[in-house]
Amino acid sequence: MSNLKNIQRKLSEGVSGWLLFEFNCFRGYLFNEKYLSYPVGQILNSITEYKTLTEINHPCGNAGQGRPLQIDFVLTDNQPSWKFAFESKWIGNTMISLGSIIWDLIRLQNLDAHHQGIRSYFILAGFDKKINILFQDFDVCYIVGSQKENKLTNVNSTYLVFDLCKLDSTTKTYINEKMRKYPNFNLYSKIRCRPAHRFPKNDIINMTFSTYIFEVFKPDRTHKIKTL
């Protein structure tokens, strides 16, 4: 029987702990997005009897744009439908863009049209200071009394909503170009998630690395748009 209860907590704690262990074994120079797949795969294999598949082509296809877009991890049983999907992203010495994160969320959001009822998760892990810089202008976790303005996100104890219409012009251009390149994807003005589960949960524990896990919910069809 599959045991995927509290998967956000298990992944965030497990991945952060593994990164710290590897770093203290002087293997930090190996860290990259591919290296991150090892702890994620190990955790998923240990808590479920579903088949854990890696780098599976996205069902929306790539419209002849070269190498197919893929999903990092897919959990499935003997049926053709996918049960769970996971995308991961690493933040190391090189900062990543907000647009690349939004694009991953859009890709996960589009899975429901092909695999109804699928549960999709986005994993963001890396150097804590770099992640804090990325999220300095808005919240992704529900924190009582937060003073952040949250122009991009609306977060409470139940939902985290990214309002794509409030993205900066550079990020909007990036997403619009992606949508033109991959016309089989649908675009929605809002991306609804579960508030990110973070480990460590606060800055009292001084760790070099942190991991955030978002559950991405199926899109509200009324928010479908053509471009940002």
Protein backbone atom coordinates (compact mmCIF):
# COMPACT_ATOMS: atom_id res chain seq x y z
CA MET A 1 0.00 0.00 0.00
CA SER A 2 1.39 3.39 -0.94
CA ASN A 3 2.29 5.76 1.87
CA LEU A 4 2.33 9.27 0.43
CA LYS A 5 0.86 11.05 3.44
CA ASN A 6 2.89 14.14 4.34
CA ILE A 7 4.98 13.78 1.19
CA GLN A 8 5.85 17.50 1.31
CA ARG A 9 7.35 17.17 4.78
CA LYS A 10 9.19 13.95 3.96
CA LEU A 11 10.77 15.34 0.81
CA SER A 12 11.72 18.74 2.27
CA GLU A 13 13.33 17.24 5.38
CA GLY A 14 14.95 14.35 3.54
CA VAL A 15 16.42 16.37 0.67
CA SER A 16 17.76 19.15 2.93
CA GLY A 17 19.32 16.62 5.30
CA TRP A 18 20.93 14.72 2.44
CA LEU A 19 22.37 17.92 0.93
CA LEU A 20 23.90 18.90 4.26
CA PHE A 21 25.37 15.41 4.70
CA GLU A 22 26.87 15.41 1.20
CA PHE A 23 28.22 18.94 1.69
CA ASN A 24 29.95 17.92 4.92
CA CYS A 25 31.48 14.98 3.05
CA PHE A 26 33.11 17.57 0.72
CA ARG A 27 30.95 16.65 -2.26
CA GLY A 28 29.33 20.05 -2.65
CA TYR A 29 31.16 20.63 -5.94
CA LEU A 30 29.01 17.87 -7.46
CA PHE A 31 25.71 19.56 -6.69
CA ASN A 32 23.42 20.28 -9.62
CA GLU A 33 19.85 19.54 -10.69
CA LYS A 34 20.77 16.03 -11.86
CA TYR A 35 22.50 15.25 -8.55
CA LEU A 36 19.32 16.28 -6.74
CA SER A 37 17.42 13.44 -8.42
CA TYR A 38 19.19 10.84 -6.25
CA PRO A 39 17.63 11.74 -2.86
CA VAL A 40 14.24 12.48 -4.43
CA GLY A 41 14.18 9.09 -6.16
CA GLN A 42 15.32 7.28 -3.02
CA ILE A 43 12.60 8.86 -0.89
CA LEU A 44 9.85 8.18 -3.44
CA ASN A 45 10.95 4.55 -3.82
CA SER A 46 10.95 4.01 -0.07
CA ILE A 47 7.43 5.29 0.68
CA THR A 48 5.35 3.92 -2.17
CA GLU A 49 4.65 0.76 -4.12
CA TYR A 50 3.89 2.76 -7.24
CA LYS A 51 6.38 2.48 -10.07
CA THR A 52 8.83 5.38 -9.95
CA LEU A 53 9.69 6.52 -13.47
CA THR A 54 12.20 9.24 -14.33
CA GLU A 55 12.46 11.74 -17.17
CA ILE A 56 9.15 10.87 -18.81
CA ASN A 57 8.00 12.90 -21.81
CA HIS A 58 5.33 15.47 -21.02
CA PRO A 59 1.95 14.41 -22.51
CA CYS A 60 1.42 17.83 -24.11
CA GLY A 61 4.29 17.14 -26.49
CA ASN A 62 6.87 19.54 -27.82
CA ALA A 63 5.39 20.40 -31.24
CA GLY A 64 8.61 19.41 -33.01
CA GLN A 65 10.81 21.71 -30.92
CA GLY A 66 13.75 19.33 -30.55
CA ARG A 67 14.29 17.35 -27.36
CA PRO A 68 10.92 16.56 -25.75
CA LEU A 69 9.95 18.33 -22.55
CA GLN A 70 10.05 15.87 -19.68
CA ILE A 71 8.77 15.41 -16.14
CA ASP A 72 11.49 14.53 -13.62
CA PHE A 73 9.54 11.86 -11.71
CA VAL A 74 6.23 10.12 -12.35
CA LEU A 75 4.56 7.59 -10.05
CA THR A 76 2.19 5.15 -11.71
CA ASP A 77 0.62 1.75 -11.14
CA ASN A 78 -0.08 -0.84 -13.82
CA GLN A 79 -2.63 1.47 -15.39
CA PRO A 80 -1.62 4.03 -18.04
CA SER A 81 -2.70 7.00 -15.93
CA TRP A 82 -0.16 8.84 -13.83
CA LYS A 83 -0.84 9.17 -10.09
CA PHE A 84 1.86 11.61 -8.97
CA ALA A 85 4.34 13.88 -10.77
CA PHE A 86 7.37 15.76 -9.46
CA GLU A 87 9.49 18.49 -10.98
CA SER A 88 12.68 19.62 -9.23
CA LYS A 89 14.93 22.64 -9.55
CA TRP A 90 18.33 23.37 -8.01
CA ILE A 91 19.61 26.79 -6.95
CA GLY A 92 23.40 26.72 -6.65
CA ASN A 93 26.02 29.38 -7.20
CA THR A 94 24.16 30.55 -10.30
CA MET A 95 20.82 32.22 -9.62
CA ILE A 96 17.81 30.94 -11.54
CA SER A 97 15.01 33.14 -12.85
CA LEU A 98 11.51 33.41 -11.49
CA GLY A 99 10.30 32.73 -15.03
CA SER A 100 11.91 29.27 -15.06
CA ILE A 101 10.04 28.38 -11.86
CA ILE A 102 6.71 29.67 -13.22
CA TRP A 103 7.25 27.67 -16.41
CA ASP A 104 7.77 24.48 -14.37
CA LEU A 105 4.55 25.21 -12.47
CA ILE A 106 2.69 25.72 -15.77
CA ARG A 107 3.98 22.39 -17.06
CA LEU A 108 2.74 20.64 -13.92
CA GLN A 109 -0.57 22.51 -14.09
CA ASN A 110 -1.14 21.12 -17.61
CA LEU A 111 -0.84 17.48 -16.56
CA ASP A 112 -4.40 17.29 -15.24
CA ALA A 113 -5.87 17.53 -18.75
CA HIS A 114 -4.19 14.23 -19.65
CA HIS A 115 -4.14 12.46 -16.28
CA GLN A 116 -7.20 13.50 -14.31
CA GLY A 117 -6.78 13.41 -10.56
CA ILE A 118 -2.99 13.48 -10.72
CA ARG A 119 -1.19 15.13 -7.79
CA SER A 120 1.71 17.31 -8.88
CA TYR A 121 4.59 18.69 -6.83
CA PHE A 122 7.37 21.20 -7.43
CA ILE A 123 10.62 20.78 -5.48
CA LEU A 124 12.98 23.74 -5.09
CA ALA A 125 16.24 23.07 -3.25
CA GLY A 126 19.60 24.74 -2.92
CA PHE A 127 21.56 27.36 -1.05
CA ASP A 128 19.30 28.99 1.48
CA LYS A 129 20.67 32.51 0.90
CA LYS A 130 20.02 32.27 -2.86
CA ILE A 131 16.46 31.04 -2.34
CA ASN A 132 15.83 33.87 0.12
CA ILE A 133 16.96 36.38 -2.52
CA LEU A 134 14.60 34.82 -5.06
CA PHE A 135 11.63 35.01 -2.68
CA GLN A 136 12.54 38.28 -0.95
CA ASP A 137 9.63 40.23 -2.46
CA PHE A 138 6.80 37.79 -1.77
CA ASP A 139 5.77 34.91 0.46
CA VAL A 140 5.45 31.28 -0.59
CA CYS A 141 4.89 29.93 2.93
CA TYR A 142 2.02 30.88 5.20
CA ILE A 143 3.61 32.91 7.98
CA VAL A 144 1.32 34.65 10.47
CA GLY A 145 2.12 38.36 10.66
CA SER A 146 4.29 38.45 7.56
CA GLN A 147 5.06 42.02 6.49
CA LYS A 148 5.70 41.22 2.83
CA GLU A 149 3.50 43.05 0.34
CA ASN A 150 2.72 39.92 -1.72
CA LYS A 151 2.06 41.73 -5.00
CA LEU A 152 2.58 38.47 -6.87
CA THR A 153 1.15 35.93 -4.42
CA ASN A 154 -1.88 35.58 -2.22
CA VAL A 155 -1.10 33.09 0.53
CA ASN A 156 -3.12 31.80 3.47
CA SER A 157 -3.23 28.59 5.47
CA THR A 158 -5.02 26.76 2.63
CA TYR A 159 -3.82 28.18 -0.69
CA LEU A 160 -0.91 29.89 -2.33
CA VAL A 161 -1.96 31.64 -5.55
CA PHE A 162 0.49 33.05 -8.08
CA ASP A 163 -1.17 35.85 -10.06
CA LEU A 164 0.71 35.76 -13.37
CA CYS A 165 -0.78 39.07 -14.48
CA LYS A 166 1.31 40.72 -11.74
CA LEU A 167 4.62 39.31 -12.99
CA ASP A 168 7.29 41.77 -14.08
CA SER A 169 7.57 42.51 -17.80
CA THR A 170 10.73 40.41 -18.27
CA THR A 171 9.10 37.32 -16.77
CA LYS A 172 5.91 37.87 -18.78
CA THR A 173 7.95 38.01 -21.98
CA TYR A 174 9.74 34.80 -21.02
CA ILE A 175 6.44 32.96 -20.40
CA ASN A 176 4.82 34.30 -23.58
CA GLU A 177 7.79 33.09 -25.63
CA LYS A 178 7.53 29.65 -24.05
CA MET A 179 3.83 29.48 -24.85
CA ARG A 180 4.46 30.41 -28.50
CA LYS A 181 7.14 27.74 -28.71
CA TYR A 182 4.93 25.08 -27.12
CA PRO A 183 1.38 25.79 -28.36
CA ASN A 184 -0.06 22.55 -26.93
CA PHE A 185 0.14 23.99 -23.42
CA ASN A 186 -2.70 25.98 -21.88
CA LEU A 187 -1.99 29.21 -20.03
CA TYR A 188 -3.96 30.33 -16.98
CA SER A 189 -3.70 33.68 -15.24
CA LYS A 190 -3.46 32.04 -11.82
CA ILE A 191 -1.54 29.05 -10.49
CA ARG A 192 -3.03 27.62 -7.31
CA CYS A 193 -0.78 25.64 -4.98
CA ARG A 194 -0.61 24.43 -1.42
CA PRO A 195 1.59 26.80 0.62
CA ALA A 196 5.19 25.66 0.36
CA HIS A 197 6.50 23.27 2.99
CA ARG A 198 9.99 24.43 3.88
CA PHE A 199 12.79 22.74 5.77
CA PRO A 200 14.22 24.14 7.90
CA LYS A 201 10.95 25.81 8.83
CA ASN A 202 12.56 29.03 10.04
CA ASP A 203 15.90 30.77 10.24
CA ILE A 204 16.52 29.73 13.85
CA ILE A 205 18.19 26.59 12.50
CA ASN A 206 21.20 27.90 10.62
CA MET A 207 21.49 25.51 7.67
CA THR A 208 23.35 26.09 4.43
CA PHE A 209 20.58 24.49 2.38
CA SER A 210 16.80 24.57 2.33
CA THR A 211 14.11 22.76 0.39
CA TYR A 212 10.64 24.00 -0.56
CA ILE A 213 7.83 21.73 -1.77
CA PHE A 214 4.69 23.06 -3.51
CA GLU A 215 1.68 20.95 -4.43
CA VAL A 216 0.30 22.35 -7.69
CA PHE A 217 -3.48 22.04 -8.02
CA LYS A 218 -5.40 21.56 -11.24
CA PRO A 219 -6.19 24.84 -13.02
CA ASP A 220 -9.42 26.78 -12.84
CA ARG A 221 -10.60 26.75 -16.46
CA THR A 222 -12.22 30.16 -16.04
CA HIS A 223 -8.73 31.66 -15.72
CA LYS A 224 -7.58 30.45 -19.14
CA ILE A 225 -5.90 33.19 -21.19
CA LYS A 226 -4.01 33.42 -24.48
CA THR A 227 -1.09 35.58 -23.42
CA LEU A 228 0.23 37.63 -20.51
